C-alpha atoms as a PDB file:
ATOM      1  CA  UNK A   1     103.461   5.600  52.441  1.00  0.00           C
ATOM      2  CA  UNK A   2     106.884   6.886  51.402  1.00  0.00           C
ATOM      3  CA  UNK A   3     107.531   9.529  48.786  1.00  0.00           C
ATOM      4  CA  UNK A   4     109.693   7.045  46.889  1.00  0.00           C
ATOM      5  CA  UNK A   5     106.630   4.840  46.412  1.00  0.00           C
ATOM      6  CA  UNK A   6     104.044   7.564  46.051  1.00  0.00           C
ATOM      7  CA  UNK A   7     103.387  10.076  43.289  1.00  0.00           C
ATOM      8  CA  UNK A   8     102.741  13.731  43.977  1.00  0.00           C
ATOM      9  CA  UNK A   9      99.206  13.325  42.662  1.00  0.00           C
ATOM     10  CA  UNK A  10      98.343  10.503  45.032  1.00  0.00           C
ATOM     11  CA  UNK A  11      99.815  12.462  47.958  1.00  0.00           C
ATOM     12  CA  UNK A  12      97.668  15.466  47.057  1.00  0.00           C
ATOM     13  CA  UNK A  13      94.627  13.194  46.894  1.00  0.00           C
ATOM     14  CA  UNK A  14      95.576  11.672  50.258  1.00  0.00           C
ATOM     15  CA  UNK A  15      95.864  15.105  51.896  1.00  0.00           C
ATOM     16  CA  UNK A  16      92.633  16.291  50.255  1.00  0.00           C
ATOM     17  CA  UNK A  17      90.864  13.236  51.674  1.00  0.00           C
ATOM     18  CA  UNK A  18      92.456  13.838  55.070  1.00  0.00           C
ATOM     19  CA  UNK A  19      91.099  17.398  54.984  1.00  0.00           C
ATOM     20  CA  UNK A  20      87.664  16.082  53.995  1.00  0.00           C
ATOM     21  CA  UNK A  21      87.595  18.149  50.815  1.00  0.00           C
ATOM     22  CA  UNK A  22      86.109  17.128  47.504  1.00  0.00           C
ATOM     23  CA  UNK A  23      88.000  17.733  44.267  1.00  0.00           C
ATOM     24  CA  UNK A  24      85.604  20.577  43.551  1.00  0.00           C
ATOM     25  CA  UNK A  25      86.218  22.126  46.987  1.00  0.00           C
ATOM     26  CA  UNK A  26      89.988  22.110  46.535  1.00  0.00           C
ATOM     27  CA  UNK A  27      89.807  23.279  42.947  1.00  0.00           C
ATOM     28  CA  UNK A  28      87.686  26.256  43.992  1.00  0.00           C
ATOM     29  CA  UNK A  29      90.017  27.110  46.886  1.00  0.00           C
ATOM     30  CA  UNK A  30      93.035  26.881  44.576  1.00  0.00           C
ATOM     31  CA  UNK A  31      91.262  28.744  41.747  1.00  0.00           C
ATOM     32  CA  UNK A  32      91.988  26.027  39.208  1.00  0.00           C
ATOM     33  CA  UNK A  33      89.676  23.793  37.208  1.00  0.00           C
ATOM     34  CA  UNK A  34      88.460  20.556  38.735  1.00  0.00           C
ATOM     35  CA  UNK A  35      89.538  18.848  35.500  1.00  0.00           C
ATOM     36  CA  UNK A  36      93.140  20.005  35.947  1.00  0.00           C
ATOM     37  CA  UNK A  37      93.165  18.898  39.596  1.00  0.00           C
ATOM     38  CA  UNK A  38      91.793  15.531  38.543  1.00  0.00           C
ATOM     39  CA  UNK A  39      94.591  15.159  35.988  1.00  0.00           C
ATOM     40  CA  UNK A  40      97.209  16.075  38.624  1.00  0.00           C
ATOM     41  CA  UNK A  41      95.853  13.565  41.135  1.00  0.00           C
ATOM     42  CA  UNK A  42      95.631  10.777  38.561  1.00  0.00           C
ATOM     43  CA  UNK A  43      99.150  11.459  37.234  1.00  0.00           C
ATOM     44  CA  UNK A  44      97.930  12.496  33.783  1.00  0.00           C
ATOM     45  CA  UNK A  45      99.362  15.993  34.380  1.00  0.00           C
ATOM     46  CA  UNK A  46     102.622  16.843  36.150  1.00  0.00           C
ATOM     47  CA  UNK A  47     102.204  19.817  38.513  1.00  0.00           C
ATOM     48  CA  UNK A  48     104.747  22.635  38.456  1.00  0.00           C
ATOM     49  CA  UNK A  49     106.714  23.501  41.581  1.00  0.00           C
ATOM     50  CA  UNK A  50     104.510  26.550  42.124  1.00  0.00           C
ATOM     51  CA  UNK A  51     101.369  24.448  41.746  1.00  0.00           C
ATOM     52  CA  UNK A  52     102.615  21.905  44.275  1.00  0.00           C
ATOM     53  CA  UNK A  53     103.276  24.658  46.821  1.00  0.00           C
ATOM     54  CA  UNK A  54      99.986  26.377  45.998  1.00  0.00           C
ATOM     55  CA  UNK A  55      97.956  23.205  46.575  1.00  0.00           C
ATOM     56  CA  UNK A  56      99.928  22.460  49.733  1.00  0.00           C
ATOM     57  CA  UNK A  57      99.032  25.917  51.036  1.00  0.00           C
ATOM     58  CA  UNK A  58      95.320  25.388  50.356  1.00  0.00           C
ATOM     59  CA  UNK A  59      95.484  22.026  52.133  1.00  0.00           C
ATOM     60  CA  UNK A  60      97.403  23.474  55.128  1.00  0.00           C
ATOM     61  CA  UNK A  61     100.034  20.766  54.775  1.00  0.00           C
ATOM     62  CA  UNK A  62     102.845  21.058  57.387  1.00  0.00           C
ATOM     63  CA  UNK A  63     106.243  22.194  56.085  1.00  0.00           C
ATOM     64  CA  UNK A  64     107.865  18.788  56.611  1.00  0.00           C
ATOM     65  CA  UNK A  65     105.214  17.125  54.454  1.00  0.00           C
ATOM     66  CA  UNK A  66     105.412  19.931  51.855  1.00  0.00           C
ATOM     67  CA  UNK A  67     109.046  18.985  51.341  1.00  0.00           C
ATOM     68  CA  UNK A  68     108.004  15.352  50.882  1.00  0.00           C
ATOM     69  CA  UNK A  69     105.387  16.418  48.352  1.00  0.00           C
ATOM     70  CA  UNK A  70     107.965  18.428  46.409  1.00  0.00           C
ATOM     71  CA  UNK A  71     110.334  15.451  46.339  1.00  0.00           C
ATOM     72  CA  UNK A  72     107.546  13.211  45.056  1.00  0.00           C
ATOM     73  CA  UNK A  73     106.935  15.737  42.264  1.00  0.00           C
ATOM     74  CA  UNK A  74     110.618  15.703  41.332  1.00  0.00           C
ATOM     75  CA  UNK A  75     111.628  19.011  42.908  1.00  0.00           C
ATOM     76  CA  UNK A  76     114.101  19.933  45.635  1.00  0.00           C
ATOM     77  CA  UNK A  77     112.659  20.727  49.084  1.00  0.00           C
ATOM     78  CA  UNK A  78     111.819  24.393  49.730  1.00  0.00           C
ATOM     79  CA  UNK A  79     112.088  24.464  53.506  1.00  0.00           C
ATOM     80  CA  UNK A  80     115.247  23.932  55.533  1.00  0.00           C
ATOM     81  CA  UNK A  81     115.444  21.608  58.510  1.00  0.00           C
ATOM     82  CA  UNK A  82     118.093  22.547  61.024  1.00  0.00           C
ATOM     83  CA  UNK A  83     118.940  21.320  64.481  1.00  0.00           C
ATOM     84  CA  UNK A  84     117.761  23.482  67.348  1.00  0.00           C
ATOM     85  CA  UNK A  85     121.439  23.872  68.255  1.00  0.00           C
ATOM     86  CA  UNK A  86     122.351  25.249  64.818  1.00  0.00           C
ATOM     87  CA  UNK A  87     123.847  28.741  65.097  1.00  0.00           C
ATOM     88  CA  UNK A  88     121.242  30.129  62.700  1.00  0.00           C
ATOM     89  CA  UNK A  89     118.528  29.023  65.136  1.00  0.00           C
ATOM     90  CA  UNK A  90     120.052  31.003  68.013  1.00  0.00           C
ATOM     91  CA  UNK A  91     117.718  34.036  67.733  1.00  0.00           C
ATOM     92  CA  UNK A  92     114.640  31.813  67.725  1.00  0.00           C
ATOM     93  CA  UNK A  93     115.848  29.724  70.655  1.00  0.00           C
ATOM     94  CA  UNK A  94     116.740  32.901  72.562  1.00  0.00           C
ATOM     95  CA  UNK A  95     113.152  34.057  71.989  1.00  0.00           C
ATOM     96  CA  UNK A  96     111.889  30.741  73.383  1.00  0.00           C
ATOM     97  CA  UNK A  97     113.993  31.145  76.519  1.00  0.00           C
ATOM     98  CA  UNK A  98     112.772  34.738  76.971  1.00  0.00           C
ATOM     99  CA  UNK A  99     109.160  33.551  76.790  1.00  0.00           C
ATOM    100  CA  UNK A 100     109.793  30.701  79.234  1.00  0.00           C
ATOM    101  CA  UNK A 101     111.694  32.859  81.725  1.00  0.00           C
ATOM    102  CA  UNK A 102     109.239  35.718  81.376  1.00  0.00           C
ATOM    103  CA  UNK A 103     106.343  33.429  82.281  1.00  0.00           C
ATOM    104  CA  UNK A 104     107.745  32.687  85.741  1.00  0.00           C
ATOM    105  CA  UNK A 105     106.585  32.228  88.458  1.00  0.00           C
ATOM    106  CA  UNK A 106     104.134  30.173  86.377  1.00  0.00           C
ATOM    107  CA  UNK A 107     105.182  26.960  84.568  1.00  0.00           C
ATOM    108  CA  UNK A 108     105.970  26.884  80.844  1.00  0.00           C
ATOM    109  CA  UNK A 109     107.711  24.420  78.554  1.00  0.00           C
ATOM    110  CA  UNK A 110     108.719  24.063  74.907  1.00  0.00           C
ATOM    111  CA  UNK A 111     108.231  20.833  72.950  1.00  0.00           C
ATOM    112  CA  UNK A 112     109.095  19.515  69.497  1.00  0.00           C
ATOM    113  CA  UNK A 113     106.736  17.863  67.013  1.00  0.00           C
ATOM    114  CA  UNK A 114     106.765  14.567  68.935  1.00  0.00           C
ATOM    115  CA  UNK A 115     106.043  16.280  72.267  1.00  0.00           C
ATOM    116  CA  UNK A 116     109.624  15.784  73.450  1.00  0.00           C
ATOM    117  CA  UNK A 117     110.757  18.386  75.943  1.00  0.00           C
ATOM    118  CA  UNK A 118     113.077  21.016  74.465  1.00  0.00           C
ATOM    119  CA  UNK A 119     113.244  23.422  77.396  1.00  0.00           C
ATOM    120  CA  UNK A 120     111.291  24.454  80.494  1.00  0.00           C
ATOM    121  CA  UNK A 121     111.403  27.171  83.098  1.00  0.00           C
ATOM    122  CA  UNK A 122     112.135  26.703  86.788  1.00  0.00           C
ATOM    123  CA  UNK A 123     108.444  26.824  87.716  1.00  0.00           C
ATOM    124  CA  UNK A 124     107.867  23.422  86.096  1.00  0.00           C
ATOM    125  CA  UNK A 125     109.342  21.749  89.213  1.00  0.00           C
ATOM    126  CA  UNK A 126     105.961  21.023  90.923  1.00  0.00           C
ATOM    127  CA  UNK A 127     104.930  19.012  87.859  1.00  0.00           C
ATOM    128  CA  UNK A 128     107.950  16.721  88.184  1.00  0.00           C
ATOM    129  CA  UNK A 129     107.751  15.989  91.915  1.00  0.00           C
ATOM    130  CA  UNK A 130     107.163  12.363  92.953  1.00  0.00           C
ATOM    131  CA  UNK A 131     107.621  10.839  89.480  1.00  0.00           C
ATOM    132  CA  UNK A 132     108.217   7.164  90.370  1.00  0.00           C
ATOM    133  CA  UNK A 133     109.338   5.923  86.940  1.00  0.00           C
ATOM    134  CA  UNK A 134     112.835   7.385  86.521  1.00  0.00           C
ATOM    135  CA  UNK A 135     113.024   6.440  82.831  1.00  0.00           C
ATOM    136  CA  UNK A 136     110.247   8.953  82.108  1.00  0.00           C
ATOM    137  CA  UNK A 137     112.680  11.729  83.051  1.00  0.00           C
ATOM    138  CA  UNK A 138     115.520  10.374  80.899  1.00  0.00           C
ATOM    139  CA  UNK A 139     116.020  12.513  77.769  1.00  0.00           C
ATOM    140  CA  UNK A 140     114.289  12.777  75.453  1.00  0.00           C
ATOM    141  CA  UNK A 141     111.456  13.394  77.910  1.00  0.00           C
ATOM    142  CA  UNK A 142     108.087  12.967  76.204  1.00  0.00           C
ATOM    143  CA  UNK A 143     105.697  15.242  78.066  1.00  0.00           C
ATOM    144  CA  UNK A 144     102.546  13.370  77.005  1.00  0.00           C
ATOM    145  CA  UNK A 145     103.973  10.038  78.171  1.00  0.00           C
ATOM    146  CA  UNK A 146     105.177  11.696  81.380  1.00  0.00           C
ATOM    147  CA  UNK A 147     101.715  13.179  81.943  1.00  0.00           C
ATOM    148  CA  UNK A 148      99.607  10.039  81.457  1.00  0.00           C
ATOM    149  CA  UNK A 149     101.930   7.176  82.463  1.00  0.00           C
ATOM    150  CA  UNK A 150     100.922   5.624  85.825  1.00  0.00           C
ATOM    151  CA  UNK A 151     104.537   6.033  86.962  1.00  0.00           C
ATOM    152  CA  UNK A 152     104.576   9.691  85.934  1.00  0.00           C
ATOM    153  CA  UNK A 153     102.361  12.628  86.799  1.00  0.00           C
ATOM    154  CA  UNK A 154      99.053  10.804  86.272  1.00  0.00           C
ATOM    155  CA  UNK A 155      98.565   9.651  89.901  1.00  0.00           C
ATOM    156  CA  UNK A 156      98.683  13.302  91.009  1.00  0.00           C
ATOM    157  CA  UNK A 157      96.243  14.583  88.380  1.00  0.00           C
ATOM    158  CA  UNK A 158      92.993  14.984  90.295  1.00  0.00           C
ATOM    159  CA  UNK A 159      90.864  15.166  87.134  1.00  0.00           C
ATOM    160  CA  UNK A 160      92.823  12.543  85.197  1.00  0.00           C
ATOM    161  CA  UNK A 161      89.837  11.375  83.149  1.00  0.00           C
ATOM    162  CA  UNK A 162      89.118  14.849  81.758  1.00  0.00           C
ATOM    163  CA  UNK A 163      92.781  15.783  81.272  1.00  0.00           C
ATOM    164  CA  UNK A 164      93.573  12.485  79.530  1.00  0.00           C
ATOM    165  CA  UNK A 165      90.627  12.985  77.183  1.00  0.00           C
ATOM    166  CA  UNK A 166      91.827  16.531  76.458  1.00  0.00           C
ATOM    167  CA  UNK A 167      95.402  15.427  75.668  1.00  0.00           C
ATOM    168  CA  UNK A 168      94.304  12.512  73.485  1.00  0.00           C
ATOM    169  CA  UNK A 169      91.938  14.757  71.531  1.00  0.00           C
ATOM    170  CA  UNK A 170      94.785  17.205  70.929  1.00  0.00           C
ATOM    171  CA  UNK A 171      97.065  14.397  69.813  1.00  0.00           C
ATOM    172  CA  UNK A 172      94.413  12.936  67.514  1.00  0.00           C
ATOM    173  CA  UNK A 173      93.861  16.358  65.948  1.00  0.00           C
ATOM    174  CA  UNK A 174      97.632  16.665  65.413  1.00  0.00           C
ATOM    175  CA  UNK A 175      97.709  13.204  63.849  1.00  0.00           C
ATOM    176  CA  UNK A 176      94.852  14.112  61.523  1.00  0.00           C
ATOM    177  CA  UNK A 177      96.776  17.213  60.476  1.00  0.00           C
ATOM    178  CA  UNK A 178     100.214  15.638  60.031  1.00  0.00           C
ATOM    179  CA  UNK A 179      99.850  11.884  59.582  1.00  0.00           C
ATOM    180  CA  UNK A 180     103.085  11.448  61.574  1.00  0.00           C
ATOM    181  CA  UNK A 181     103.782   7.733  62.158  1.00  0.00           C
ATOM    182  CA  UNK A 182     105.631   8.397  65.448  1.00  0.00           C
ATOM    183  CA  UNK A 183     102.691  10.352  66.836  1.00  0.00           C
ATOM    184  CA  UNK A 184     100.215   7.724  65.675  1.00  0.00           C
ATOM    185  CA  UNK A 185     102.184   5.092  67.602  1.00  0.00           C
ATOM    186  CA  UNK A 186     102.397   7.418  70.614  1.00  0.00           C
ATOM    187  CA  UNK A 187      98.614   7.838  70.574  1.00  0.00           C
ATOM    188  CA  UNK A 188      98.176   4.047  70.513  1.00  0.00           C
ATOM    189  CA  UNK A 189     100.520   3.724  73.495  1.00  0.00           C
ATOM    190  CA  UNK A 190      98.859   6.458  75.533  1.00  0.00           C
ATOM    191  CA  UNK A 191      95.411   4.934  75.021  1.00  0.00           C
ATOM    192  CA  UNK A 192      96.625   1.792  76.818  1.00  0.00           C
ATOM    193  CA  UNK A 193      97.335   3.747  80.013  1.00  0.00           C
ATOM    194  CA  UNK A 194      94.728   3.817  82.827  1.00  0.00           C
ATOM    195  CA  UNK A 195      91.963   6.272  82.027  1.00  0.00           C
ATOM    196  CA  UNK A 196      91.166   7.475  85.533  1.00  0.00           C
ATOM    197  CA  UNK A 197      87.535   6.594  84.837  1.00  0.00           C
ATOM    198  CA  UNK A 198      85.876   5.629  88.110  1.00  0.00           C
ATOM    199  CA  UNK A 199      82.335   5.271  86.802  1.00  0.00           C
ATOM    200  CA  UNK A 200      80.340   5.192  83.583  1.00  0.00           C
ATOM    201  CA  UNK A 201      79.152   8.719  84.192  1.00  0.00           C
ATOM    202  CA  UNK A 202      81.161  11.675  82.862  1.00  0.00           C
ATOM    203  CA  UNK A 203      82.244  14.146  85.512  1.00  0.00           C
ATOM    204  CA  UNK A 204      79.920  17.145  85.785  1.00  0.00           C
ATOM    205  CA  UNK A 205      81.063  20.389  84.219  1.00  0.00           C
ATOM    206  CA  UNK A 206      81.054  23.523  86.351  1.00  0.00           C
ATOM    207  CA  UNK A 207      78.206  25.798  85.184  1.00  0.00           C
ATOM    208  CA  UNK A 208      80.510  28.816  84.856  1.00  0.00           C
ATOM    209  CA  UNK A 209      83.558  26.927  83.530  1.00  0.00           C
ATOM    210  CA  UNK A 210      85.274  28.228  80.383  1.00  0.00           C
ATOM    211  CA  UNK A 211      87.922  25.469  80.035  1.00  0.00           C
ATOM    212  CA  UNK A 212      88.831  22.083  81.512  1.00  0.00           C
ATOM    213  CA  UNK A 213      91.663  22.968  83.929  1.00  0.00           C
ATOM    214  CA  UNK A 214      94.536  20.711  84.884  1.00  0.00           C
ATOM    215  CA  UNK A 215      94.133  19.993  88.603  1.00  0.00           C
ATOM    216  CA  UNK A 216      97.365  18.737  90.158  1.00  0.00           C
ATOM    217  CA  UNK A 217      97.803  17.487  93.720  1.00  0.00           C
ATOM    218  CA  UNK A 218     100.734  19.202  95.440  1.00  0.00           C
ATOM    219  CA  UNK A 219     101.192  18.143  99.052  1.00  0.00           C
ATOM    220  CA  UNK A 220      97.872  18.717 100.782  1.00  0.00           C
ATOM    221  CA  UNK A 221      96.780  21.273  98.191  1.00  0.00           C
ATOM    222  CA  UNK A 222      95.424  21.111  94.655  1.00  0.00           C
ATOM    223  CA  UNK A 223      96.938  23.414  92.022  1.00  0.00           C
ATOM    224  CA  UNK A 224      94.615  24.339  89.181  1.00  0.00           C
ATOM    225  CA  UNK A 225      95.906  25.476  85.766  1.00  0.00           C
ATOM    226  CA  UNK A 226      94.683  26.601  82.387  1.00  0.00           C
ATOM    227  CA  UNK A 227      97.100  26.536  79.455  1.00  0.00           C
ATOM    228  CA  UNK A 228      97.822  28.189  76.119  1.00  0.00           C
ATOM    229  CA  UNK A 229      99.945  27.111  73.134  1.00  0.00           C
ATOM    230  CA  UNK A 230     102.324  29.499  71.330  1.00  0.00           C
ATOM    231  CA  UNK A 231     103.966  28.794  67.961  1.00  0.00           C
ATOM    232  CA  UNK A 232     106.213  30.838  65.692  1.00  0.00           C
ATOM    233  CA  UNK A 233     104.473  32.903  63.048  1.00  0.00           C
ATOM    234  CA  UNK A 234     105.427  32.421  59.361  1.00  0.00           C
ATOM    235  CA  UNK A 235     108.304  29.964  59.971  1.00  0.00           C
ATOM    236  CA  UNK A 236     110.369  28.884  56.960  1.00  0.00           C
ATOM    237  CA  UNK A 237     112.311  26.165  58.776  1.00  0.00           C
ATOM    238  CA  UNK A 238     110.711  22.749  59.349  1.00  0.00           C
ATOM    239  CA  UNK A 239     112.086  22.317  62.871  1.00  0.00           C
ATOM    240  CA  UNK A 240     111.016  25.788  63.956  1.00  0.00           C
ATOM    241  CA  UNK A 241     107.531  25.314  62.514  1.00  0.00           C
ATOM    242  CA  UNK A 242     107.100  22.250  64.737  1.00  0.00           C
ATOM    243  CA  UNK A 243     108.215  23.936  67.973  1.00  0.00           C
ATOM    244  CA  UNK A 244     105.488  24.872  70.461  1.00  0.00           C
ATOM    245  CA  UNK A 245     105.455  26.571  73.860  1.00  0.00           C
ATOM    246  CA  UNK A 246     102.803  25.571  76.382  1.00  0.00           C
ATOM    247  CA  UNK A 247     102.253  28.118  79.134  1.00  0.00           C
ATOM    248  CA  UNK A 248     100.304  27.289  82.280  1.00  0.00           C
ATOM    249  CA  UNK A 249      98.384  29.973  84.173  1.00  0.00           C
ATOM    250  CA  UNK A 250      96.859  29.721  87.652  1.00  0.00           C
ATOM    251  CA  UNK A 251      93.125  29.083  87.435  1.00  0.00           C
ATOM    252  CA  UNK A 252      92.504  30.307  90.978  1.00  0.00           C
ATOM    253  CA  UNK A 253      94.049  32.537  93.610  1.00  0.00           C
ATOM    254  CA  UNK A 254      95.261  29.631  95.760  1.00  0.00           C
ATOM    255  CA  UNK A 255      97.362  28.292  92.867  1.00  0.00           C
ATOM    256  CA  UNK A 256      98.773  31.742  92.171  1.00  0.00           C
ATOM    257  CA  UNK A 257      99.754  32.140  95.840  1.00  0.00           C
ATOM    258  CA  UNK A 258     101.473  28.733  95.960  1.00  0.00           C
ATOM    259  CA  UNK A 259     103.445  29.356  92.748  1.00  0.00           C
ATOM    260  CA  UNK A 260     104.627  32.744  93.941  1.00  0.00           C
ATOM    261  CA  UNK A 261     105.723  31.203  97.250  1.00  0.00           C
ATOM    262  CA  UNK A 262     107.592  28.370  95.490  1.00  0.00           C
ATOM    263  CA  UNK A 263     109.384  30.895  93.263  1.00  0.00           C
ATOM    264  CA  UNK A 264     110.434  32.888  96.327  1.00  0.00           C
ATOM    265  CA  UNK A 265     111.778  29.731  98.000  1.00  0.00           C
ATOM    266  CA  UNK A 266     113.793  28.841  94.873  1.00  0.00           C
ATOM    267  CA  UNK A 267     115.281  32.326  94.786  1.00  0.00           C
ATOM    268  CA  UNK A 268     116.290  32.106  98.453  1.00  0.00           C
ATOM    269  CA  UNK A 269     118.025  28.759  97.889  1.00  0.00           C
ATOM    270  CA  UNK A 270     120.015  29.982  94.890  1.00  0.00           C
END
């Protein structure tokens, strides 16, 4: 639905439903009466700008969609949306590059809200080796498509079934949170790719495992990674709020040794 066709009240109701909250739940969280919330959702009462932002906060609505909600209520957007190349974004982008560079010799990359690659450090090179579908590396590079496409990294992912399930669950959670049409279409596309499922039985989980690692074939070795996601705290810009850094850490000593060796070889060549 577009904001031009949708009232603020119906958008609030849509987000409340998406968050699986009753009117009473949201009213209690927002410290308003259920009757008033009902009037807002039905259009019988027009919410103030402060009320729109207050309800959006309780519903954890992303900044981009908060702007849409404000427009639907007849107010100007509260949050700016600048290009990553805007001069005012320079300090934030410098911080991203510091994090990426500082994570070497281990791989790290930054992505936008659609999982398009914004930047990566030099240690990402092993991930991109032997990609047979050249178009996957043509900007904008979508890292989820690159990961799961049969012409991308997927053939080298030893535990493709588990990693695919992990990525699709993350994407579904993001879709539930944002309702982004581009991401919904991306999820549909990714689900058509081969699953890596070789039998009807799920792969056994290691008894002492704490996460599902990414296991990537590299020559005659297998590199094993765990990853973390970093986002900016208290962003007031839409674009910045949607930027995320994924950092990969070696899950075993063999992977650590290989990454350190590869970093040394890169330094010797430069």
